Every structure is written in structure tokens, then in C-alpha cells.
Amino acid sequence: MRGQTGFFFSFLSASLVLSGLLCGSASAQKDVKGCKDHPLFTRMPNYSITECKTKDFDQHEFYVAGEKEFVVEGKKTFISYEIKEGVKPPSEVQIKRNFENAVAKIGGRTEFNSTFNVYLSIKKDGKETWVDVHPLNHGEIYTLTVVEKKGMEQDITANTMLDALNKDGFIALYINFDTNRATIKPESKPIIDQIVKLLKDNPGLKIGIEGHTDSTGTPAKNKTLSQERAQSVINALTASGIDKKRLSAAGWGQEKPIADNRSEEGKAKNRRVEIVKK
């Protein structure tokens, strides 16, 4: 298929790193200072980078079959490419097809192909990477958003929690739930286990579990969701032998932000569960 030149992929050991060779005309173009291609992909020929941003932890909305929204959190890289002046750009369909074919060759898949974007995923060796390709201006520009999925890193132990409760009266935890649901994800089990340890090591301690959301959605829906998530944490604790009389649940929704909801990083911080000493 036309436009497929410029993409060469190879796995390097167990990590999901792909490398390729740029054609001479592409490599000779001037990029914005400090920007470079994402390790997963080489650029299409005759494009240069006009903007780039990388954040260690952020989120991005993807879509899967049936136009269902799917939010992915992790290391996020955004790169914008623009065609070299005087060069006829490929079609928007051609740009999207390049990425679809390239990802398919390494075992990835197309999750959803809309009029404007194509959403791709690569799930390999225990790692999960999501890609959003968005051609613009009849192919003169395309943007690439790559999210390497991971949870917000935190090293929380029962002793850390106890110290914070004694000092501040509360501690904020980042417990991962299914999108728009109150189901606790398996990767958050170690945090739940540490809360259980905290309560078992301190039998006289009573705590409140308070859920918080970002500002996405309606206030009423967010309040209900945060209450349900707080209750899910309590259910997990009681299932591990903690007396429910020592626990209480509250949902604040978006009412008590601790960061700016205008940024994705701020939203991630606001989606939290707080343990409050009673």
C-alpha cells in the first residue's frame, strides 16, 4: 500500500520499543528544538515536528468499537507533524492506514476508526500501549498521541498511612477503578492490603473512606460515583475481616479538588480516595 514506506519495526528484547529508518528528505528537515520521534514510530517521509509534549503521568480519551469512550492513564507523549513546504501530502486515509498496518505487523490492533482519528492498541509482554492518530488539513498535518498505560506511582505502606493520619488526620490514595464504575482494578490490591494491615495493626483506629472525582461529567453523577467507589473500598476491607463498624463512606464528587481540573494532570490528582481519621 502507498505510504507504507518509512515504517520499519523490530522488537528489542522484552520491551515494547520499535525503531526505524527515516528517508533522507525526512531526516533533513528541521524539527522544533528538543523534539524527537516517539520510540515506537518513525515519521512519515517529508514531515517535521512542530510541537511535542511528554508527561510521565497523564490521561487521554480513546474510543473502542461501538464508539465507546475509554480513558487510558500513563506516560503520555504528544507529537505534531507538518509536511515540508512544496511537497504534496498523502491523503488522511493513507496516513491512518500506515499506522494501522504498522501496528498490525507487531501484533497490535485497530480499536476504532472514526472519520477523523484512528485508535490503536498494542498489548504485548504484559505492557499496554494506546495510540491516537489524527490527520488534519487534508494530510498536511498529523498528530500522534501515545499513552503507555500505567497507574500513578505511589509507595504507600501501612506505616506511611498511620504517620499521615496522626500528623494530618488524612491521607490521599490513588486507587484505580474501572472507567465510570466503582469496580476496583486488580493493580490496586496492594494498596487495599496495606489499608487492611493498617487497621489490623491498630485495632482501636476508626476511619472514613471518602471518594473524590475530577470535574468531568455532571456534579450529581460524580457525587454518586464517588460514594459508590468509597463503598467499594469498604466492601473490600470488610471482605478481608475488618469490622464495618470501624468504617464509614462518603462521596464528595468534584466538590473538593486539590489540583486544577483544567489540566489532565490536575484531573488525575483529583480522582482520589482519602482515608480520614475518626
Protein backbone atom coordinates (compact mmCIF):
# COMPACT_ATOMS: atom_id res chain seq x y z
CA MET A 1 0.00 0.00 0.00
CA ARG A 2 1.24 3.52 -0.80
CA GLY A 3 2.61 5.50 2.11
CA GLN A 4 3.85 2.46 3.93
CA THR A 5 7.48 3.37 3.21
CA GLY A 6 9.19 4.81 6.25
CA PHE A 7 7.90 2.35 8.85
CA PHE A 8 10.24 -0.45 9.88
CA PHE A 9 9.68 -2.13 13.21
CA SER A 10 11.61 -4.58 15.36
CA PHE A 11 11.21 -5.64 18.98
CA LEU A 12 14.15 -5.07 21.30
CA SER A 13 14.11 -7.85 23.92
CA ALA A 14 11.00 -7.78 26.12
CA SER A 15 10.42 -4.05 25.99
CA LEU A 16 7.93 -2.52 23.58
CA VAL A 17 10.46 -0.41 21.67
CA LEU A 18 10.32 -0.05 17.92
CA SER A 19 12.87 1.61 15.71
CA GLY A 20 13.03 2.55 12.04
CA LEU A 21 14.93 4.32 9.32
CA LEU A 22 13.88 7.74 8.10
CA CYS A 23 14.34 8.57 4.46
CA GLY A 24 16.85 11.31 3.68
CA SER A 25 14.28 14.03 2.95
CA ALA A 26 12.51 13.46 6.27
CA SER A 27 15.64 13.31 8.41
CA ALA A 28 16.98 16.51 6.88
CA GLN A 29 14.02 18.58 7.97
CA LYS A 30 14.29 20.91 10.91
CA ASP A 31 12.29 19.96 14.00
CA VAL A 32 11.29 22.17 16.90
CA LYS A 33 14.19 22.22 19.34
CA GLY A 34 14.03 19.45 21.91
CA CYS A 35 11.51 17.33 19.97
CA LYS A 36 12.06 13.88 18.51
CA ASP A 37 10.05 10.93 17.26
CA HIS A 38 8.43 8.58 19.76
CA PRO A 39 10.48 5.36 20.12
CA LEU A 40 7.54 3.36 18.76
CA PHE A 41 7.31 5.05 15.39
CA THR A 42 9.33 6.77 12.72
CA ARG A 43 7.59 9.66 10.99
CA MET A 44 6.17 9.60 7.51
CA PRO A 45 8.53 10.97 4.82
CA ASN A 46 8.83 14.76 4.38
CA TYR A 47 7.28 15.69 7.72
CA SER A 48 8.90 17.71 10.52
CA ILE A 49 7.91 18.09 14.15
CA THR A 50 6.22 21.38 15.02
CA GLU A 51 5.22 20.57 18.63
CA CYS A 52 5.82 17.90 21.25
CA LYS A 53 4.86 17.27 24.88
CA THR A 54 5.63 14.39 27.22
CA LYS A 55 4.23 13.83 30.70
CA ASP A 56 5.16 10.95 32.99
CA PHE A 57 1.57 10.59 34.11
CA ASP A 58 -1.48 11.90 32.28
CA GLN A 59 -4.62 10.60 30.58
CA HIS A 60 -6.17 10.56 27.12
CA GLU A 61 -9.57 9.57 25.77
CA PHE A 62 -9.61 6.76 23.25
CA TYR A 63 -12.55 5.06 21.57
CA VAL A 64 -13.18 1.38 21.00
CA ALA A 65 -15.73 -0.49 18.90
CA GLY A 66 -19.20 0.97 19.18
CA GLU A 67 -17.80 4.45 19.82
CA LYS A 68 -17.36 3.65 23.49
CA GLU A 69 -15.08 6.07 25.32
CA PHE A 70 -12.06 4.53 27.03
CA VAL A 71 -9.73 6.62 29.21
CA VAL A 72 -6.11 5.45 29.44
CA GLU A 73 -3.67 6.75 32.04
CA GLY A 74 0.10 6.54 31.97
CA LYS A 75 3.09 8.13 30.27
CA LYS A 76 1.67 10.38 27.55
CA THR A 77 3.52 11.69 24.50
CA PHE A 78 2.01 14.14 22.02
CA ILE A 79 3.76 14.97 18.73
CA SER A 80 2.51 17.17 15.88
CA TYR A 81 3.96 16.76 12.38
CA GLU A 82 3.68 19.08 9.36
CA ILE A 83 4.52 18.33 5.71
CA LYS A 84 7.55 20.00 4.14
CA GLU A 85 6.70 23.09 2.11
CA GLY A 86 6.14 22.33 -1.55
CA VAL A 87 5.61 18.60 -1.03
CA LYS A 88 2.25 17.05 -1.87
CA PRO A 89 0.91 15.40 1.30
CA PRO A 90 -0.54 11.89 1.43
CA SER A 91 -4.26 11.58 2.00
CA GLU A 92 -5.67 11.44 5.52
CA VAL A 93 -6.79 7.86 4.86
CA GLN A 94 -3.26 6.97 3.77
CA ILE A 95 -1.79 8.36 6.99
CA LYS A 96 -4.21 6.39 9.14
CA ARG A 97 -3.69 3.22 7.13
CA ASN A 98 0.09 3.46 7.56
CA PHE A 99 -0.25 3.36 11.31
CA GLU A 100 -2.89 0.65 11.24
CA ASN A 101 -0.70 -1.61 9.09
CA ALA A 102 2.44 -0.88 11.09
CA VAL A 103 0.75 -1.68 14.41
CA ALA A 104 -0.88 -4.81 12.99
CA LYS A 105 2.53 -6.16 11.96
CA ILE A 106 3.66 -6.26 15.58
CA GLY A 107 0.50 -7.86 16.93
CA GLY A 108 -1.44 -4.68 17.68
CA ARG A 109 -4.94 -3.89 16.52
CA THR A 110 -7.23 -1.13 15.36
CA GLU A 111 -9.71 -0.40 18.14
CA PHE A 112 -11.82 2.16 16.28
CA ASN A 113 -11.51 4.06 13.02
CA SER A 114 -13.55 7.25 13.03
CA THR A 115 -13.90 9.92 10.34
CA PHE A 116 -11.06 11.96 11.84
CA ASN A 117 -8.99 9.64 14.08
CA VAL A 118 -7.82 6.07 14.25
CA TYR A 119 -7.36 4.49 17.69
CA LEU A 120 -4.87 1.65 18.05
CA SER A 121 -3.62 -0.58 20.85
CA ILE A 122 -0.57 -2.77 21.36
CA LYS A 123 -0.73 -5.36 24.14
CA LYS A 124 2.45 -7.35 24.37
CA ASP A 125 4.61 -8.94 27.08
CA GLY A 126 2.49 -7.55 29.90
CA LYS A 127 2.64 -3.99 28.54
CA GLU A 128 -0.19 -1.98 27.05
CA THR A 129 0.23 0.99 24.73
CA TRP A 130 -2.52 3.06 23.10
CA VAL A 131 -2.14 5.27 20.04
CA ASP A 132 -4.35 8.05 18.65
CA VAL A 133 -3.52 9.17 15.09
CA HIS A 134 -5.26 12.34 13.90
CA PRO A 135 -4.64 13.66 10.34
CA LEU A 136 -5.57 17.30 9.64
CA ASN A 137 -5.81 19.76 6.73
CA HIS A 138 -6.02 17.05 4.05
CA GLY A 139 -2.87 15.35 5.30
CA GLU A 140 -0.69 18.44 5.66
CA ILE A 141 -0.58 17.84 9.43
CA TYR A 142 -0.99 14.79 11.61
CA THR A 143 -0.78 14.41 15.36
CA LEU A 144 0.30 11.36 17.28
CA THR A 145 -0.71 10.72 20.89
CA VAL A 146 0.83 7.69 22.58
CA VAL A 147 -0.06 6.56 26.11
CA GLU A 148 1.99 3.83 27.74
CA LYS A 149 -0.51 2.60 30.28
CA LYS A 150 0.42 2.53 33.96
CA GLY A 151 -1.07 3.56 37.28
CA MET A 152 0.02 6.62 39.23
CA GLU A 153 3.12 5.51 41.11
CA GLN A 154 2.89 5.55 44.87
CA ASP A 155 4.84 3.78 47.58
CA ILE A 156 2.31 3.62 50.38
CA THR A 157 2.67 1.33 53.37
CA ALA A 158 0.56 0.87 56.47
CA ASN A 159 3.17 2.81 58.48
CA THR A 160 3.11 5.67 55.96
CA MET A 161 -0.66 5.86 56.29
CA LEU A 162 -0.54 5.82 60.09
CA ASP A 163 2.07 8.59 60.18
CA ALA A 164 -0.06 10.76 57.87
CA LEU A 165 -3.23 10.10 59.86
CA ASN A 166 -1.54 11.01 63.12
CA LYS A 167 0.05 14.13 61.63
CA ASP A 168 -2.58 15.47 59.22
CA GLY A 169 -5.69 13.47 60.03
CA PHE A 170 -5.98 12.13 56.46
CA ILE A 171 -4.07 10.71 53.52
CA ALA A 172 -4.90 10.77 49.79
CA LEU A 173 -4.58 7.48 47.90
CA TYR A 174 -4.86 6.76 44.19
CA ILE A 175 -6.93 3.63 43.89
CA ASN A 176 -7.73 2.67 40.29
CA PHE A 177 -11.30 1.88 39.29
CA ASP A 178 -12.88 0.84 36.02
CA THR A 179 -13.88 3.88 33.94
CA ASN A 180 -17.14 5.40 35.20
CA ARG A 181 -17.62 2.44 37.55
CA ALA A 182 -16.89 1.54 41.16
CA THR A 183 -15.04 -1.71 40.43
CA ILE A 184 -11.55 -1.68 41.94
CA LYS A 185 -8.89 -2.72 39.44
CA PRO A 186 -6.58 -5.64 40.34
CA GLU A 187 -3.46 -3.43 40.33
CA SER A 188 -4.83 -1.54 43.34
CA LYS A 189 -5.00 -4.65 45.53
CA PRO A 190 -1.61 -3.89 47.19
CA ILE A 191 -3.00 -0.54 48.42
CA ILE A 192 -6.12 -2.24 49.79
CA ASP A 193 -3.89 -4.81 51.51
CA GLN A 194 -1.94 -2.02 53.22
CA ILE A 195 -5.16 -0.40 54.49
CA VAL A 196 -6.17 -3.78 55.90
CA LYS A 197 -2.77 -4.09 57.60
CA LEU A 198 -3.13 -0.57 59.00
CA LEU A 199 -6.46 -1.43 60.58
CA LYS A 200 -5.39 -4.84 61.88
CA ASP A 201 -2.22 -3.38 63.43
CA ASN A 202 -4.25 -0.61 65.08
CA PRO A 203 -7.47 -2.24 66.36
CA GLY A 204 -8.71 0.97 68.00
CA LEU A 205 -8.49 3.01 64.79
CA LYS A 206 -11.67 4.09 63.02
CA ILE A 207 -11.53 5.68 59.57
CA GLY A 208 -13.70 7.29 56.96
CA ILE A 209 -13.28 6.43 53.29
CA GLU A 210 -14.01 9.48 51.15
CA GLY A 211 -14.28 9.36 47.38
CA HIS A 212 -13.39 12.29 45.08
CA THR A 213 -13.61 12.80 41.31
CA ASP A 214 -12.45 15.32 38.74
CA SER A 215 -14.89 17.72 37.06
CA THR A 216 -15.64 15.54 34.03
CA GLY A 217 -19.35 14.75 33.90
CA THR A 218 -22.19 16.22 35.95
CA PRO A 219 -21.82 17.10 39.65
CA ALA A 220 -24.70 14.79 40.59
CA LYS A 221 -23.25 11.82 38.71
CA ASN A 222 -19.79 12.43 40.14
CA LYS A 223 -21.12 12.58 43.67
CA THR A 224 -22.90 9.26 43.23
CA LEU A 225 -19.85 7.66 41.62
CA SER A 226 -17.52 8.84 44.39
CA GLN A 227 -19.90 7.47 47.04
CA GLU A 228 -20.06 4.12 45.27
CA ARG A 229 -16.26 3.96 44.99
CA ALA A 230 -15.83 4.74 48.67
CA GLN A 231 -18.28 1.96 49.46
CA SER A 232 -16.37 -0.43 47.19
CA VAL A 233 -13.24 0.19 49.25
CA ILE A 234 -15.18 -0.51 52.44
CA ASN A 235 -16.55 -3.72 50.92
CA ALA A 236 -13.01 -4.82 50.08
CA LEU A 237 -11.88 -4.10 53.64
CA THR A 238 -14.75 -5.94 55.29
CA ALA A 239 -14.14 -8.89 52.95
CA SER A 240 -10.65 -9.04 54.46
CA GLY A 241 -12.01 -9.25 58.00
CA ILE A 242 -12.27 -5.59 59.06
CA ASP A 243 -15.31 -4.78 61.21
CA LYS A 244 -17.61 -2.46 59.23
CA LYS A 245 -18.38 -0.56 62.47
CA ARG A 246 -14.87 0.92 62.19
CA LEU A 247 -15.58 2.28 58.72
CA SER A 248 -17.75 4.93 57.11
CA ALA A 249 -18.14 6.02 53.47
CA ALA A 250 -18.63 9.47 51.97
CA GLY A 251 -18.67 10.72 48.39
CA TRP A 252 -17.71 14.31 47.63
CA GLY A 253 -17.65 14.09 43.85
CA GLN A 254 -15.93 17.13 42.36
CA GLU A 255 -16.62 19.41 45.35
CA LYS A 256 -13.15 19.30 46.92
CA PRO A 257 -10.44 19.46 44.21
CA ILE A 258 -6.79 19.57 45.26
CA ALA A 259 -5.50 20.46 41.76
CA ASP A 260 -6.57 22.39 38.67
CA ASN A 261 -9.25 20.50 36.72
CA ARG A 262 -8.30 22.41 33.57
CA SER A 263 -5.27 20.14 33.06
CA GLU A 264 -5.25 16.37 32.65
CA GLU A 265 -2.54 16.11 35.30
CA GLY A 266 -4.73 18.04 37.73
CA LYS A 267 -7.72 15.84 36.97
CA ALA A 268 -5.64 12.73 37.71
CA LYS A 269 -4.74 14.12 41.15
CA ASN A 270 -8.36 14.97 41.90
CA ARG A 271 -9.53 11.40 41.22
CA ARG A 272 -8.57 10.06 44.61
CA VAL A 273 -9.74 8.26 47.74
CA GLU A 274 -8.93 9.81 51.08
CA ILE A 275 -8.65 7.96 54.37
CA VAL A 276 -9.74 10.21 57.23
CA LYS A 277 -9.06 9.50 60.87
CA LYS A 278 -12.20 9.45 63.02
